Amino acid sequence: MQTSEQSRIIEMAWEDRTPFEAIEKQFNMNESELIKFMRAQLKPSSFKLWRTRVSGRTTKHLKLRNTEVQRGYCPTQYKVR
């Protein structure tokens, strides 16, 4: 796996509105594999922060997500500032 792919996976994993299913579709890595990947890539304290952040977050799972949310990112996320 290339460094740019690793960086993108980590970025997507940290994004609140990017569901685990999107990461699986794009990188063929299910949630448990992603957790192992993040544990290996992040410092222990960063991994713990990430797990705390994504645990129970409804936007990280398509089945739990509000059906009105049709995008995978915040409207202001990709605007040039």
Protein backbone atom coordinates (compact mmCIF):
# COMPACT_ATOMS: atom_id res chain seq x y z
CA MET A 1 0.00 0.00 0.00
CA GLN A 2 1.34 3.40 -0.98
CA THR A 3 1.95 6.15 1.55
CA SER A 4 -0.62 8.37 -0.18
CA GLU A 5 -3.25 5.63 0.18
CA GLN A 6 -2.38 5.18 3.84
CA SER A 7 -2.71 8.92 4.43
CA ARG A 8 -6.08 9.00 2.66
CA ILE A 9 -7.41 6.08 4.70
CA ILE A 10 -6.36 7.79 7.94
CA GLU A 11 -7.92 11.06 6.79
CA MET A 12 -11.20 9.34 5.88
CA ALA A 13 -11.24 7.44 9.17
CA TRP A 14 -10.92 10.71 11.13
CA GLU A 15 -13.64 12.48 9.12
CA ASP A 16 -16.93 12.44 11.00
CA ARG A 17 -19.14 12.16 7.94
CA THR A 18 -17.20 9.49 6.07
CA PRO A 19 -18.82 6.13 6.87
CA PHE A 20 -16.81 2.97 7.35
CA GLU A 21 -18.65 1.54 4.34
CA ALA A 22 -17.11 4.20 2.08
CA ILE A 23 -13.63 3.22 3.25
CA GLU A 24 -14.45 -0.44 2.67
CA LYS A 25 -15.76 0.25 -0.83
CA GLN A 26 -12.76 2.35 -1.84
CA PHE A 27 -9.94 0.45 -0.10
CA ASN A 28 -11.46 -3.01 0.50
CA MET A 29 -10.89 -2.68 4.27
CA ASN A 30 -13.77 -3.52 6.62
CA GLU A 31 -14.23 -1.85 10.01
CA SER A 32 -12.22 -4.39 12.01
CA GLU A 33 -9.35 -4.25 9.49
CA LEU A 34 -9.48 -0.46 9.64
CA ILE A 35 -9.21 -0.54 13.43
CA LYS A 36 -6.12 -2.78 13.17
CA PHE A 37 -4.66 -0.48 10.51
CA MET A 38 -5.27 2.63 12.62
CA ARG A 39 -3.75 0.96 15.69
CA ALA A 40 -0.60 0.19 13.68
CA GLN A 41 -0.37 3.65 12.07
CA LEU A 42 -1.21 5.97 14.97
CA LYS A 43 0.51 6.63 18.26
CA PRO A 44 -1.30 4.87 21.13
CA SER A 45 -2.74 8.15 22.46
CA SER A 46 -3.96 9.18 18.99
CA PHE A 47 -5.52 5.78 18.42
CA LYS A 48 -7.36 6.03 21.74
CA LEU A 49 -8.67 9.50 20.80
CA TRP A 50 -9.82 8.21 17.41
CA ARG A 51 -11.61 5.18 18.90
CA THR A 52 -13.34 7.39 21.45
CA ARG A 53 -14.38 9.77 18.68
CA VAL A 54 -15.81 7.18 16.28
CA SER A 55 -17.39 4.85 18.84
CA GLY A 56 -21.12 5.37 18.81
CA ARG A 57 -20.97 8.07 16.13
CA THR A 58 -24.01 7.51 13.92
CA THR A 59 -22.45 9.18 10.89
CA LYS A 60 -19.72 6.53 10.71
CA HIS A 61 -22.26 3.77 9.91
CA LEU A 62 -24.63 4.03 6.96
CA LYS A 63 -27.30 1.96 8.73
CA LEU A 64 -27.34 4.35 11.70
CA ARG A 65 -27.10 7.54 9.63
CA ASN A 66 -30.06 9.84 9.20
CA THR A 67 -31.52 9.20 5.73
CA GLU A 68 -31.58 12.95 5.04
CA VAL A 69 -27.75 13.02 4.91
CA GLN A 70 -26.89 12.46 1.25
CA ARG A 71 -23.25 13.56 1.27
CA GLY A 72 -20.09 12.15 2.78
CA TYR A 73 -18.59 15.46 3.83
CA CYS A 74 -19.45 18.79 5.42
CA PRO A 75 -20.59 21.44 2.87
CA THR A 76 -17.70 23.71 3.87
CA GLN A 77 -15.04 20.98 3.89
CA TYR A 78 -13.73 21.41 0.35
CA LYS A 79 -14.23 25.16 -0.13
CA VAL A 80 -11.18 27.25 -0.88
CA ARG A 81 -10.56 29.62 1.98
